[in-house]
């Protein structure tokens, strides 16, 4: 792993927070529905942020799994 990149612990924390954020968004939309175009925009941007962060963290964890002692 690069000495300047995030540690495995930080990546695990980012992954957990991202998945929790996605779960909260899904729960909010499941209970309230999409109220309008602004709600849809917030859902798309939030989903892209949390989803992208989760994918990035999981990918980095998967790549560095074999490199750690």
N, C-alpha and C. Protein backbone atom coordinates (compact mmCIF):
# COMPACT_ATOMS: atom_id res chain seq x y z
N UNK A 1 0.84 -1.18 0.00
CA UNK A 1 0.00 0.00 0.00
C UNK A 1 0.88 1.24 0.00
N UNK A 2 0.46 2.26 -0.65
CA UNK A 2 1.20 3.50 -0.69
C UNK A 2 1.30 4.10 0.70
N UNK A 3 2.44 4.66 0.99
CA UNK A 3 2.59 5.23 2.32
C UNK A 3 1.83 6.53 2.49
N UNK A 4 1.37 7.12 1.40
CA UNK A 4 0.61 8.36 1.47
C UNK A 4 -0.90 8.15 1.36
N UNK A 5 -1.33 6.95 1.07
CA UNK A 5 -2.75 6.68 0.94
C UNK A 5 -3.40 6.38 2.28
N UNK A 6 -4.71 6.24 2.29
CA UNK A 6 -5.39 5.90 3.54
C UNK A 6 -5.06 4.48 3.98
N UNK A 7 -5.08 4.27 5.29
CA UNK A 7 -4.81 2.95 5.84
C UNK A 7 -6.03 2.06 5.64
N UNK A 8 -5.86 0.76 5.89
CA UNK A 8 -6.98 -0.17 5.77
C UNK A 8 -8.08 0.17 6.76
N UNK A 9 -7.73 0.64 7.93
CA UNK A 9 -8.74 1.04 8.91
C UNK A 9 -9.58 2.21 8.43
N UNK A 10 -8.92 3.19 7.82
CA UNK A 10 -9.66 4.33 7.27
C UNK A 10 -10.57 3.91 6.13
N UNK A 11 -10.09 2.99 5.29
CA UNK A 11 -10.92 2.50 4.18
C UNK A 11 -12.13 1.74 4.70
N UNK A 12 -11.94 0.95 5.75
CA UNK A 12 -13.07 0.22 6.34
C UNK A 12 -14.08 1.19 6.93
N UNK A 13 -13.60 2.26 7.57
CA UNK A 13 -14.51 3.26 8.12
C UNK A 13 -15.28 3.97 7.01
N UNK A 14 -14.59 4.34 5.94
CA UNK A 14 -15.27 4.99 4.80
C UNK A 14 -16.32 4.07 4.19
N UNK A 15 -15.98 2.79 4.06
CA UNK A 15 -16.93 1.84 3.50
C UNK A 15 -18.16 1.71 4.39
N UNK A 16 -17.95 1.62 5.70
CA UNK A 16 -19.07 1.49 6.63
C UNK A 16 -19.96 2.73 6.61
N UNK A 17 -19.36 3.91 6.60
CA UNK A 17 -20.14 5.15 6.57
C UNK A 17 -20.90 5.27 5.26
N UNK A 18 -20.27 4.90 4.16
CA UNK A 18 -20.94 4.97 2.85
C UNK A 18 -22.13 4.03 2.78
N UNK A 19 -21.94 2.80 3.25
CA UNK A 19 -23.06 1.85 3.23
C UNK A 19 -24.17 2.27 4.17
N UNK A 20 -23.82 2.85 5.32
CA UNK A 20 -24.83 3.35 6.25
C UNK A 20 -25.60 4.52 5.63
N UNK A 21 -24.89 5.42 4.93
CA UNK A 21 -25.55 6.54 4.26
C UNK A 21 -26.49 6.07 3.16
N UNK A 22 -26.07 5.08 2.39
CA UNK A 22 -26.95 4.51 1.36
C UNK A 22 -28.18 3.87 1.99
N UNK A 23 -27.98 3.16 3.09
CA UNK A 23 -29.11 2.52 3.77
C UNK A 23 -30.09 3.56 4.30
N UNK A 24 -29.58 4.65 4.85
CA UNK A 24 -30.46 5.72 5.33
C UNK A 24 -31.24 6.36 4.20
N UNK A 25 -30.58 6.59 3.07
CA UNK A 25 -31.28 7.17 1.91
C UNK A 25 -32.36 6.23 1.40
N UNK A 26 -32.05 4.96 1.29
CA UNK A 26 -33.03 3.99 0.82
C UNK A 26 -34.20 3.92 1.78
N UNK A 27 -33.90 3.93 3.08
CA UNK A 27 -34.97 3.92 4.08
C UNK A 27 -35.84 5.15 4.01
N UNK A 28 -35.23 6.31 3.81
CA UNK A 28 -36.00 7.56 3.72
C UNK A 28 -36.90 7.56 2.50
N UNK A 29 -36.37 7.11 1.37
CA UNK A 29 -37.20 7.09 0.16
C UNK A 29 -38.25 5.98 0.21
N UNK A 30 -37.95 4.90 0.91
CA UNK A 30 -38.95 3.83 1.04
C UNK A 30 -40.11 4.27 1.92
N UNK A 31 -39.82 5.06 2.94
CA UNK A 31 -40.90 5.47 3.84
C UNK A 31 -41.65 6.70 3.35
N UNK A 32 -40.95 7.64 2.70
CA UNK A 32 -41.60 8.89 2.29
C UNK A 32 -41.84 8.99 0.78
N UNK A 33 -41.10 8.28 0.01
CA UNK A 33 -41.22 8.39 -1.44
C UNK A 33 -40.50 9.62 -1.96
N UNK A 34 -40.55 9.78 -3.26
CA UNK A 34 -39.91 10.93 -3.90
C UNK A 34 -40.95 12.03 -4.01
N UNK A 35 -40.68 13.15 -3.32
CA UNK A 35 -41.67 14.22 -3.24
C UNK A 35 -41.67 15.17 -4.42
N UNK A 36 -40.62 15.26 -5.15
CA UNK A 36 -40.55 16.18 -6.27
C UNK A 36 -39.19 16.09 -6.94
N UNK A 37 -38.96 17.04 -7.82
CA UNK A 37 -37.72 17.02 -8.59
C UNK A 37 -36.52 17.30 -7.70
N UNK A 38 -36.67 18.16 -6.69
CA UNK A 38 -35.56 18.45 -5.79
C UNK A 38 -35.19 17.22 -4.97
N UNK A 39 -36.19 16.48 -4.54
CA UNK A 39 -35.94 15.25 -3.80
C UNK A 39 -35.23 14.22 -4.67
N UNK A 40 -35.64 14.14 -5.90
CA UNK A 40 -34.99 13.22 -6.84
C UNK A 40 -33.53 13.62 -7.08
N UNK A 41 -33.29 14.92 -7.22
CA UNK A 41 -31.93 15.41 -7.43
C UNK A 41 -31.04 15.10 -6.22
N UNK A 42 -31.55 15.32 -5.03
CA UNK A 42 -30.79 15.01 -3.82
C UNK A 42 -30.50 13.51 -3.75
N UNK A 43 -31.47 12.70 -4.12
CA UNK A 43 -31.27 11.25 -4.11
C UNK A 43 -30.22 10.80 -5.11
N UNK A 44 -30.22 11.39 -6.29
CA UNK A 44 -29.24 11.02 -7.31
C UNK A 44 -27.83 11.45 -6.89
N UNK A 45 -27.70 12.67 -6.41
CA UNK A 45 -26.38 13.16 -6.01
C UNK A 45 -25.89 12.42 -4.77
N UNK A 46 -26.76 12.21 -3.79
CA UNK A 46 -26.37 11.47 -2.59
C UNK A 46 -26.04 10.02 -2.91
N UNK A 47 -26.82 9.41 -3.77
CA UNK A 47 -26.54 8.03 -4.17
C UNK A 47 -25.23 7.90 -4.91
N UNK A 48 -24.93 8.89 -5.77
CA UNK A 48 -23.66 8.87 -6.49
C UNK A 48 -22.49 9.05 -5.53
N UNK A 49 -22.65 9.94 -4.55
CA UNK A 49 -21.57 10.18 -3.59
C UNK A 49 -21.33 8.96 -2.71
N UNK A 50 -22.39 8.48 -2.05
CA UNK A 50 -22.23 7.34 -1.15
C UNK A 50 -21.89 6.07 -1.91
N UNK A 51 -22.51 5.87 -3.06
CA UNK A 51 -22.23 4.68 -3.86
C UNK A 51 -20.81 4.70 -4.41
N UNK A 52 -20.39 5.83 -4.93
CA UNK A 52 -19.03 5.95 -5.44
C UNK A 52 -17.99 5.77 -4.36
N UNK A 53 -18.25 6.36 -3.20
CA UNK A 53 -17.32 6.21 -2.08
C UNK A 53 -17.25 4.76 -1.60
N UNK A 54 -18.38 4.08 -1.57
CA UNK A 54 -18.39 2.67 -1.16
C UNK A 54 -17.65 1.80 -2.17
N UNK A 55 -17.87 2.04 -3.45
CA UNK A 55 -17.19 1.26 -4.48
C UNK A 55 -15.68 1.52 -4.44
N UNK A 56 -15.28 2.78 -4.31
CA UNK A 56 -13.87 3.11 -4.25
C UNK A 56 -13.20 2.45 -3.05
N UNK A 57 -13.83 2.54 -1.88
CA UNK A 57 -13.24 1.96 -0.67
C UNK A 57 -13.16 0.44 -0.78
N UNK A 58 -14.21 -0.19 -1.27
CA UNK A 58 -14.20 -1.65 -1.40
C UNK A 58 -13.14 -2.10 -2.40
N UNK A 59 -13.00 -1.36 -3.47
CA UNK A 59 -12.00 -1.70 -4.48
C UNK A 59 -10.59 -1.57 -3.93
N UNK A 60 -10.33 -0.50 -3.19
CA UNK A 60 -9.00 -0.32 -2.58
C UNK A 60 -8.72 -1.40 -1.53
N UNK A 61 -9.74 -1.76 -0.75
CA UNK A 61 -9.55 -2.83 0.24
C UNK A 61 -9.26 -4.15 -0.46
N UNK A 62 -9.94 -4.41 -1.55
CA UNK A 62 -9.74 -5.66 -2.28
C UNK A 62 -8.34 -5.71 -2.90
N UNK A 63 -7.88 -4.59 -3.45
CA UNK A 63 -6.57 -4.54 -4.09
C UNK A 63 -5.43 -4.69 -3.08
N UNK A 64 -5.59 -4.12 -1.89
CA UNK A 64 -4.51 -4.14 -0.92
C UNK A 64 -4.57 -5.34 0.00
N UNK A 65 -5.56 -6.21 -0.19
CA UNK A 65 -5.70 -7.39 0.67
C UNK A 65 -4.49 -8.29 0.59
N UNK A 66 -3.94 -8.47 -0.59
CA UNK A 66 -2.82 -9.38 -0.79
C UNK A 66 -1.48 -8.75 -0.43
N UNK A 67 -1.41 -7.45 -0.32
CA UNK A 67 -0.14 -6.78 -0.09
C UNK A 67 0.21 -6.66 1.39
N UNK A 68 -0.77 -6.75 2.28
CA UNK A 68 -0.51 -6.60 3.70
C UNK A 68 0.03 -7.90 4.29
N UNK A 69 0.96 -7.79 5.26
CA UNK A 69 1.51 -9.00 5.88
C UNK A 69 0.53 -9.66 6.80
